[in-house]
N, C-alpha and C. Protein backbone atom coordinates (compact mmCIF):
# COMPACT_ATOMS: atom_id res chain seq x y z
N MET A 1 18.23 69.63 -31.24
CA MET A 1 18.77 68.84 -32.32
C MET A 1 19.86 67.93 -31.78
N ARG A 2 19.94 66.75 -32.29
CA ARG A 2 20.90 65.76 -31.85
C ARG A 2 22.14 65.82 -32.73
N THR A 3 23.31 65.70 -32.12
CA THR A 3 24.55 65.66 -32.89
C THR A 3 25.22 64.32 -32.67
N PHE A 4 25.90 63.86 -33.70
CA PHE A 4 26.58 62.58 -33.65
C PHE A 4 28.07 62.79 -33.84
N ASP A 5 28.87 62.09 -33.06
CA ASP A 5 30.32 62.14 -33.21
C ASP A 5 30.75 60.93 -34.03
N LEU A 6 31.27 61.19 -35.24
CA LEU A 6 31.66 60.11 -36.12
C LEU A 6 33.15 59.79 -36.03
N ALA A 7 33.84 60.34 -35.04
CA ALA A 7 35.28 60.10 -34.90
C ALA A 7 35.62 58.62 -34.77
N PRO A 8 34.85 57.81 -34.02
CA PRO A 8 35.19 56.38 -33.96
C PRO A 8 35.11 55.70 -35.33
N LEU A 9 34.21 56.16 -36.17
CA LEU A 9 34.10 55.61 -37.51
C LEU A 9 35.36 55.89 -38.32
N TYR A 10 35.92 57.08 -38.19
CA TYR A 10 37.14 57.43 -38.92
C TYR A 10 38.32 56.58 -38.45
N ARG A 11 38.37 56.25 -37.17
CA ARG A 11 39.50 55.47 -36.63
C ARG A 11 39.47 54.02 -37.08
N ALA A 12 38.29 53.47 -37.28
CA ALA A 12 38.15 52.05 -37.54
C ALA A 12 38.05 51.69 -39.01
N THR A 13 38.15 52.66 -39.90
CA THR A 13 38.01 52.36 -41.32
C THR A 13 39.17 52.94 -42.10
N VAL A 14 39.43 52.31 -43.22
CA VAL A 14 40.47 52.78 -44.13
C VAL A 14 39.85 52.88 -45.51
N GLY A 15 39.96 54.03 -46.13
CA GLY A 15 39.47 54.19 -47.49
C GLY A 15 37.99 54.50 -47.61
N PHE A 16 37.32 54.76 -46.52
CA PHE A 16 35.89 55.07 -46.55
C PHE A 16 35.65 56.54 -46.28
N ASP A 17 36.59 57.39 -46.64
CA ASP A 17 36.45 58.82 -46.36
C ASP A 17 35.22 59.42 -47.02
N ARG A 18 34.91 58.99 -48.24
CA ARG A 18 33.75 59.55 -48.95
C ARG A 18 32.45 59.20 -48.23
N ILE A 19 32.37 57.98 -47.70
CA ILE A 19 31.15 57.58 -46.99
C ILE A 19 31.01 58.41 -45.71
N ALA A 20 32.09 58.59 -44.99
CA ALA A 20 32.03 59.39 -43.77
C ALA A 20 31.70 60.85 -44.10
N ASP A 21 32.27 61.37 -45.18
CA ASP A 21 31.95 62.74 -45.60
C ASP A 21 30.48 62.87 -45.96
N LEU A 22 29.94 61.84 -46.64
CA LEU A 22 28.53 61.85 -47.00
C LEU A 22 27.66 61.84 -45.74
N MET A 23 28.03 61.03 -44.77
CA MET A 23 27.26 61.00 -43.53
C MET A 23 27.32 62.35 -42.82
N ASP A 24 28.50 62.96 -42.80
CA ASP A 24 28.62 64.30 -42.20
C ASP A 24 27.72 65.29 -42.91
N ARG A 25 27.72 65.24 -44.25
CA ARG A 25 26.92 66.18 -45.03
C ARG A 25 25.43 65.98 -44.78
N VAL A 26 24.99 64.72 -44.68
CA VAL A 26 23.58 64.44 -44.44
C VAL A 26 23.17 64.88 -43.04
N LEU A 27 24.01 64.61 -42.06
CA LEU A 27 23.66 64.96 -40.68
C LEU A 27 23.73 66.47 -40.44
N ASP A 28 24.59 67.17 -41.18
CA ASP A 28 24.72 68.62 -41.01
C ASP A 28 23.78 69.40 -41.91
N ALA A 29 23.09 68.72 -42.81
CA ALA A 29 22.24 69.41 -43.78
C ALA A 29 21.10 70.14 -43.08
N ASP A 30 20.78 71.28 -43.64
CA ASP A 30 19.67 72.08 -43.13
C ASP A 30 18.36 71.41 -43.54
N PRO A 31 17.52 71.02 -42.57
CA PRO A 31 16.29 70.33 -42.93
C PRO A 31 15.31 71.22 -43.68
N ALA A 32 15.49 72.52 -43.64
CA ALA A 32 14.59 73.44 -44.32
C ALA A 32 15.14 73.84 -45.68
N GLN A 33 15.68 72.87 -46.43
CA GLN A 33 16.18 73.18 -47.76
C GLN A 33 15.02 73.60 -48.64
N PRO A 34 15.27 74.53 -49.54
CA PRO A 34 14.18 74.99 -50.39
C PRO A 34 13.70 73.89 -51.34
N GLY A 35 12.42 73.89 -51.62
CA GLY A 35 11.84 72.90 -52.51
C GLY A 35 11.73 73.40 -53.93
N TYR A 36 12.34 74.54 -54.20
CA TYR A 36 12.26 75.14 -55.55
C TYR A 36 13.57 74.99 -56.26
N PRO A 37 13.59 74.59 -57.45
CA PRO A 37 12.47 74.07 -58.25
C PRO A 37 12.26 72.58 -57.95
N PRO A 38 11.03 72.10 -58.18
CA PRO A 38 10.78 70.68 -57.94
C PRO A 38 11.52 69.83 -58.98
N TYR A 39 11.88 68.60 -58.60
CA TYR A 39 12.62 67.74 -59.50
C TYR A 39 12.27 66.27 -59.25
N ASN A 40 12.57 65.44 -60.24
CA ASN A 40 12.43 63.98 -60.14
C ASN A 40 13.77 63.35 -60.45
N ILE A 41 14.06 62.23 -59.82
CA ILE A 41 15.21 61.41 -60.19
C ILE A 41 14.66 60.04 -60.52
N GLU A 42 14.92 59.58 -61.73
CA GLU A 42 14.39 58.28 -62.14
C GLU A 42 15.51 57.39 -62.68
N LYS A 43 15.30 56.11 -62.54
CA LYS A 43 16.24 55.13 -63.08
C LYS A 43 15.68 54.69 -64.42
N THR A 44 16.43 54.94 -65.49
CA THR A 44 15.95 54.63 -66.83
C THR A 44 16.54 53.35 -67.41
N GLY A 45 17.51 52.78 -66.74
CA GLY A 45 18.14 51.55 -67.18
C GLY A 45 18.96 50.98 -66.04
N GLU A 46 19.67 49.89 -66.31
CA GLU A 46 20.45 49.26 -65.25
C GLU A 46 21.50 50.22 -64.70
N ASN A 47 22.15 50.97 -65.57
CA ASN A 47 23.17 51.93 -65.15
C ASN A 47 22.88 53.32 -65.69
N ALA A 48 21.62 53.64 -65.91
CA ALA A 48 21.25 54.94 -66.47
C ALA A 48 20.22 55.63 -65.59
N TYR A 49 20.35 56.94 -65.47
CA TYR A 49 19.47 57.73 -64.61
C TYR A 49 19.10 59.01 -65.34
N ARG A 50 18.02 59.66 -64.88
CA ARG A 50 17.61 60.95 -65.44
C ARG A 50 17.11 61.82 -64.30
N ILE A 51 17.61 63.05 -64.27
CA ILE A 51 17.11 64.06 -63.35
C ILE A 51 16.27 65.01 -64.18
N SER A 52 15.01 65.21 -63.78
CA SER A 52 14.11 66.12 -64.47
C SER A 52 13.75 67.24 -63.51
N ILE A 53 14.00 68.47 -63.94
CA ILE A 53 13.77 69.65 -63.10
C ILE A 53 12.74 70.54 -63.78
N ALA A 54 11.71 70.95 -63.04
CA ALA A 54 10.69 71.84 -63.58
C ALA A 54 11.24 73.27 -63.61
N VAL A 55 11.45 73.78 -64.81
CA VAL A 55 12.05 75.11 -64.98
C VAL A 55 11.15 75.99 -65.85
N ALA A 56 9.86 75.98 -65.54
CA ALA A 56 8.91 76.78 -66.32
C ALA A 56 9.29 78.26 -66.23
N GLY A 57 9.25 78.93 -67.38
CA GLY A 57 9.55 80.36 -67.42
C GLY A 57 10.99 80.67 -67.76
N PHE A 58 11.87 79.66 -67.79
CA PHE A 58 13.27 79.88 -68.13
C PHE A 58 13.54 79.38 -69.54
N THR A 59 14.37 80.10 -70.27
CA THR A 59 14.82 79.63 -71.58
C THR A 59 16.09 78.82 -71.39
N ALA A 60 16.49 78.09 -72.42
CA ALA A 60 17.70 77.28 -72.34
C ALA A 60 18.93 78.15 -72.10
N ASP A 61 18.93 79.39 -72.59
CA ASP A 61 20.07 80.29 -72.39
C ASP A 61 20.18 80.76 -70.95
N GLU A 62 19.10 80.73 -70.20
CA GLU A 62 19.12 81.19 -68.81
C GLU A 62 19.47 80.08 -67.83
N LEU A 63 19.60 78.86 -68.32
CA LEU A 63 19.93 77.70 -67.49
C LEU A 63 21.40 77.36 -67.63
N ASN A 64 21.98 76.84 -66.55
CA ASN A 64 23.38 76.43 -66.56
C ASN A 64 23.50 75.13 -65.77
N ALA A 65 24.21 74.16 -66.34
CA ALA A 65 24.47 72.89 -65.65
C ALA A 65 25.95 72.59 -65.79
N GLU A 66 26.59 72.27 -64.65
CA GLU A 66 28.01 71.93 -64.69
C GLU A 66 28.31 70.85 -63.66
N VAL A 67 29.35 70.08 -63.94
CA VAL A 67 29.82 69.04 -63.02
C VAL A 67 31.13 69.52 -62.44
N LYS A 68 31.20 69.53 -61.11
CA LYS A 68 32.41 69.97 -60.43
C LYS A 68 32.57 69.17 -59.15
N GLU A 69 33.72 68.48 -59.02
CA GLU A 69 34.06 67.74 -57.80
C GLU A 69 32.95 66.78 -57.37
N ASN A 70 32.56 65.88 -58.27
CA ASN A 70 31.53 64.87 -58.01
C ASN A 70 30.19 65.47 -57.60
N ALA A 71 29.89 66.66 -58.12
CA ALA A 71 28.59 67.28 -57.86
C ALA A 71 28.06 67.88 -59.17
N LEU A 72 26.79 67.68 -59.41
CA LEU A 72 26.10 68.30 -60.53
C LEU A 72 25.43 69.55 -59.98
N ILE A 73 25.76 70.69 -60.56
CA ILE A 73 25.21 71.96 -60.10
C ILE A 73 24.36 72.55 -61.22
N VAL A 74 23.07 72.71 -60.96
CA VAL A 74 22.15 73.29 -61.93
C VAL A 74 21.70 74.63 -61.37
N SER A 75 21.85 75.67 -62.19
CA SER A 75 21.46 77.01 -61.74
C SER A 75 20.73 77.72 -62.86
N ALA A 76 19.99 78.76 -62.49
CA ALA A 76 19.27 79.57 -63.46
C ALA A 76 19.18 80.99 -62.94
N ARG A 77 19.27 81.90 -63.85
CA ARG A 77 19.12 83.32 -63.53
C ARG A 77 18.31 83.94 -64.66
N LYS A 78 17.18 84.50 -64.30
CA LYS A 78 16.28 85.12 -65.27
C LYS A 78 16.87 86.45 -65.72
N ALA A 79 16.86 86.66 -67.02
CA ALA A 79 17.33 87.93 -67.56
C ALA A 79 16.34 89.02 -67.15
N PRO A 80 16.84 90.24 -66.88
CA PRO A 80 15.92 91.31 -66.49
C PRO A 80 14.92 91.62 -67.60
N GLU A 81 13.69 91.86 -67.18
CA GLU A 81 12.65 92.16 -68.17
C GLU A 81 12.88 93.55 -68.74
N THR A 82 12.73 93.64 -70.05
CA THR A 82 12.96 94.92 -70.72
C THR A 82 11.71 95.78 -70.75
N GLU A 83 10.56 95.15 -70.69
CA GLU A 83 9.31 95.93 -70.69
C GLU A 83 8.62 95.82 -69.34
N GLU A 84 7.91 96.86 -68.98
CA GLU A 84 7.17 96.91 -67.72
C GLU A 84 5.87 96.13 -67.87
N ARG A 85 5.61 95.20 -66.95
CA ARG A 85 4.38 94.40 -66.99
C ARG A 85 3.65 94.56 -65.68
N THR A 86 2.34 94.47 -65.74
CA THR A 86 1.50 94.51 -64.55
C THR A 86 0.81 93.16 -64.44
N TYR A 87 1.14 92.42 -63.38
CA TYR A 87 0.56 91.10 -63.18
C TYR A 87 -0.63 91.20 -62.23
N LEU A 88 -1.73 90.55 -62.58
CA LEU A 88 -2.85 90.43 -61.66
C LEU A 88 -2.62 89.26 -60.72
N HIS A 89 -1.94 88.23 -61.20
CA HIS A 89 -1.53 87.09 -60.39
C HIS A 89 -0.24 86.55 -60.99
N ARG A 90 0.75 86.36 -60.17
CA ARG A 90 2.03 85.83 -60.66
C ARG A 90 2.32 84.53 -59.91
N GLY A 91 1.98 83.41 -60.55
CA GLY A 91 2.15 82.10 -59.94
C GLY A 91 3.33 81.32 -60.46
N ILE A 92 3.93 81.76 -61.56
CA ILE A 92 5.09 81.08 -62.12
C ILE A 92 6.34 81.72 -61.53
N ALA A 93 7.00 80.97 -60.68
CA ALA A 93 8.20 81.49 -60.02
C ALA A 93 9.36 81.43 -61.00
N THR A 94 9.95 82.58 -61.25
CA THR A 94 11.13 82.62 -62.13
C THR A 94 12.30 83.23 -61.38
N ARG A 95 12.36 82.93 -60.08
CA ARG A 95 13.47 83.45 -59.30
C ARG A 95 14.72 82.60 -59.55
N ALA A 96 15.86 83.19 -59.33
CA ALA A 96 17.12 82.50 -59.53
C ALA A 96 17.22 81.34 -58.54
N PHE A 97 17.90 80.28 -58.97
CA PHE A 97 18.08 79.13 -58.08
C PHE A 97 19.40 78.45 -58.39
N GLU A 98 19.84 77.66 -57.44
CA GLU A 98 20.97 76.76 -57.62
C GLU A 98 20.64 75.48 -56.88
N ARG A 99 20.68 74.36 -57.59
CA ARG A 99 20.35 73.06 -57.02
C ARG A 99 21.57 72.15 -57.23
N ARG A 100 22.00 71.47 -56.16
CA ARG A 100 23.17 70.60 -56.21
C ARG A 100 22.76 69.15 -56.01
N PHE A 101 23.38 68.28 -56.80
CA PHE A 101 23.17 66.84 -56.69
C PHE A 101 24.54 66.19 -56.53
N ALA A 102 24.72 65.40 -55.48
CA ALA A 102 25.98 64.67 -55.29
C ALA A 102 25.98 63.47 -56.21
N LEU A 103 27.06 63.30 -56.95
CA LEU A 103 27.19 62.19 -57.88
C LEU A 103 28.12 61.14 -57.30
N ALA A 104 27.74 59.88 -57.45
CA ALA A 104 28.59 58.78 -56.99
C ALA A 104 29.80 58.67 -57.92
N ASP A 105 30.80 57.94 -57.45
CA ASP A 105 31.96 57.69 -58.30
C ASP A 105 31.52 57.01 -59.59
N HIS A 106 32.14 57.36 -60.67
CA HIS A 106 31.95 56.77 -61.98
C HIS A 106 30.59 57.10 -62.61
N VAL A 107 29.87 58.09 -62.09
CA VAL A 107 28.63 58.55 -62.72
C VAL A 107 28.99 59.75 -63.58
N LYS A 108 28.62 59.68 -64.85
CA LYS A 108 28.94 60.72 -65.81
C LYS A 108 27.65 61.32 -66.36
N VAL A 109 27.67 62.62 -66.61
CA VAL A 109 26.54 63.29 -67.27
C VAL A 109 26.72 63.09 -68.77
N THR A 110 25.69 62.55 -69.43
CA THR A 110 25.79 62.28 -70.87
C THR A 110 25.09 63.32 -71.72
N GLY A 111 24.21 64.11 -71.13
CA GLY A 111 23.52 65.12 -71.93
C GLY A 111 22.42 65.79 -71.15
N ALA A 112 21.92 66.89 -71.72
CA ALA A 112 20.82 67.62 -71.10
C ALA A 112 19.93 68.19 -72.21
N THR A 113 18.63 68.15 -71.96
CA THR A 113 17.67 68.71 -72.92
C THR A 113 16.67 69.57 -72.17
N HIS A 114 16.17 70.61 -72.83
CA HIS A 114 15.18 71.51 -72.27
C HIS A 114 13.94 71.44 -73.15
N VAL A 115 12.90 70.75 -72.67
CA VAL A 115 11.70 70.52 -73.46
C VAL A 115 10.47 70.80 -72.60
N ASP A 116 9.56 71.61 -73.12
CA ASP A 116 8.27 71.86 -72.48
C ASP A 116 8.39 72.28 -71.01
N GLY A 117 9.32 73.17 -70.70
CA GLY A 117 9.46 73.65 -69.34
C GLY A 117 10.16 72.71 -68.39
N MET A 118 10.73 71.62 -68.91
CA MET A 118 11.45 70.65 -68.09
C MET A 118 12.88 70.56 -68.58
N LEU A 119 13.81 70.54 -67.64
CA LEU A 119 15.22 70.32 -67.94
C LEU A 119 15.51 68.86 -67.58
N HIS A 120 15.90 68.07 -68.58
CA HIS A 120 16.21 66.66 -68.38
C HIS A 120 17.72 66.49 -68.48
N ILE A 121 18.33 65.90 -67.45
CA ILE A 121 19.76 65.65 -67.44
C ILE A 121 19.95 64.14 -67.33
N ASP A 122 20.62 63.58 -68.34
CA ASP A 122 20.83 62.14 -68.39
C ASP A 122 22.20 61.79 -67.83
N LEU A 123 22.23 60.73 -67.02
CA LEU A 123 23.46 60.27 -66.38
C LEU A 123 23.64 58.79 -66.63
N VAL A 124 24.89 58.36 -66.62
CA VAL A 124 25.18 56.94 -66.77
C VAL A 124 26.31 56.57 -65.81
N ARG A 125 26.20 55.40 -65.23
CA ARG A 125 27.26 54.90 -64.35
C ARG A 125 28.14 53.98 -65.18
N GLU A 126 29.39 54.38 -65.35
CA GLU A 126 30.37 53.61 -66.12
C GLU A 126 31.38 53.02 -65.16
N ILE A 127 31.25 51.73 -64.90
CA ILE A 127 32.16 51.06 -63.97
C ILE A 127 33.41 50.66 -64.75
N PRO A 128 34.59 51.12 -64.32
CA PRO A 128 35.82 50.74 -65.02
C PRO A 128 36.04 49.23 -64.98
N GLU A 129 36.71 48.73 -66.00
CA GLU A 129 36.98 47.30 -66.11
C GLU A 129 37.71 46.77 -64.88
N ALA A 130 38.60 47.58 -64.31
CA ALA A 130 39.37 47.15 -63.14
C ALA A 130 38.49 46.94 -61.91
N LEU A 131 37.32 47.56 -61.86
CA LEU A 131 36.44 47.43 -60.70
C LEU A 131 35.34 46.39 -60.88
N LYS A 132 35.21 45.86 -62.09
CA LYS A 132 34.19 44.84 -62.32
C LYS A 132 34.63 43.52 -61.70
N PRO A 133 33.68 42.69 -61.29
CA PRO A 133 34.04 41.40 -60.70
C PRO A 133 34.80 40.55 -61.72
N ARG A 134 35.78 39.84 -61.26
CA ARG A 134 36.52 38.93 -62.14
C ARG A 134 36.81 37.65 -61.37
N ARG A 135 36.93 36.58 -62.11
CA ARG A 135 37.18 35.27 -61.51
C ARG A 135 38.68 35.07 -61.34
N ILE A 136 39.07 34.61 -60.20
CA ILE A 136 40.47 34.36 -59.91
C ILE A 136 40.66 32.85 -59.83
N GLU A 137 41.60 32.35 -60.61
CA GLU A 137 41.88 30.92 -60.60
C GLU A 137 42.68 30.59 -59.34
N ILE A 138 42.30 29.50 -58.70
CA ILE A 138 42.97 29.08 -57.47
C ILE A 138 43.81 27.85 -57.78
N ALA A 139 45.09 27.95 -57.50
CA ALA A 139 46.01 26.84 -57.79
C ALA A 139 45.94 25.80 -56.68
N ARG A 140 46.08 24.53 -57.08
CA ARG A 140 46.14 23.44 -56.11
C ARG A 140 47.60 23.19 -55.76
N PRO A 141 47.85 22.51 -54.65
CA PRO A 141 49.23 22.27 -54.24
C PRO A 141 50.05 21.50 -55.27
N ASP A 142 49.40 20.70 -56.13
CA ASP A 142 50.17 19.91 -57.10
C ASP A 142 50.47 20.70 -58.37
N GLY A 143 50.19 21.99 -58.40
CA GLY A 143 50.52 22.82 -59.55
C GLY A 143 49.45 22.82 -60.63
N MET A 144 48.29 22.21 -60.40
CA MET A 144 47.22 22.16 -61.39
C MET A 144 46.21 23.28 -61.12
N VAL A 145 45.72 23.85 -62.18
CA VAL A 145 44.63 24.82 -62.08
C VAL A 145 43.55 24.35 -63.03
N GLU A 146 42.45 23.89 -62.50
CA GLU A 146 41.31 23.42 -63.29
C GLU A 146 41.77 22.56 -64.47
N GLY A 147 42.60 21.59 -64.21
CA GLY A 147 43.03 20.67 -65.24
C GLY A 147 44.25 21.13 -66.03
N LYS A 148 44.77 22.35 -65.75
CA LYS A 148 45.94 22.83 -66.45
C LYS A 148 47.13 22.82 -65.49
N VAL A 149 48.28 22.56 -66.03
CA VAL A 149 49.50 22.58 -65.23
C VAL A 149 50.06 24.00 -65.30
N LEU A 150 50.31 24.61 -64.15
CA LEU A 150 50.91 25.92 -64.11
C LEU A 150 52.39 25.82 -64.43
N GLU A 151 52.89 26.81 -65.09
CA GLU A 151 54.33 26.84 -65.37
C GLU A 151 55.04 27.09 -64.06
N THR A 152 56.03 26.30 -63.80
CA THR A 152 56.78 26.47 -62.56
C THR A 152 58.17 26.95 -62.90
N ALA A 153 58.69 27.83 -62.09
CA ALA A 153 60.04 28.35 -62.29
C ALA A 153 61.03 27.36 -61.71
N GLU A 154 61.93 26.90 -62.53
CA GLU A 154 62.94 25.95 -62.05
C GLU A 154 64.23 26.68 -61.83
N ALA A 155 64.88 26.43 -60.70
CA ALA A 155 66.12 27.12 -60.38
C ALA A 155 67.30 26.38 -60.90
């Protein structure tokens, strides 16, 4: 396995700690991550997303979803069966799981629904007004801004 030293990246950047942390997490990630339960991530609008997780065999009470430190954590634990059953074939996996999704800044979870064996989690990216692009007026040397005279402080 190849390892990368990202120390030069840390020295040459200011304020990009999250990007460097993300790169560290991706490079250190175990390539044999479990594929259970399967999930989809879809873009439903310009700033809207949906994560759909196949949770067949789980009730809504056995599922848990929480947001903590810019991560969405979805987990499930099956309640112990009260009656003894004999399965001839058991193909529906109802084992406990925990699945983590890293959320970008300003992404909020707006709701979750459990329908037909699927857990749907809706997300929206809300960009604060301070981070949206804005036009800055540029003053000319003669004190005019696009045909307007700027107020000048007289001493």
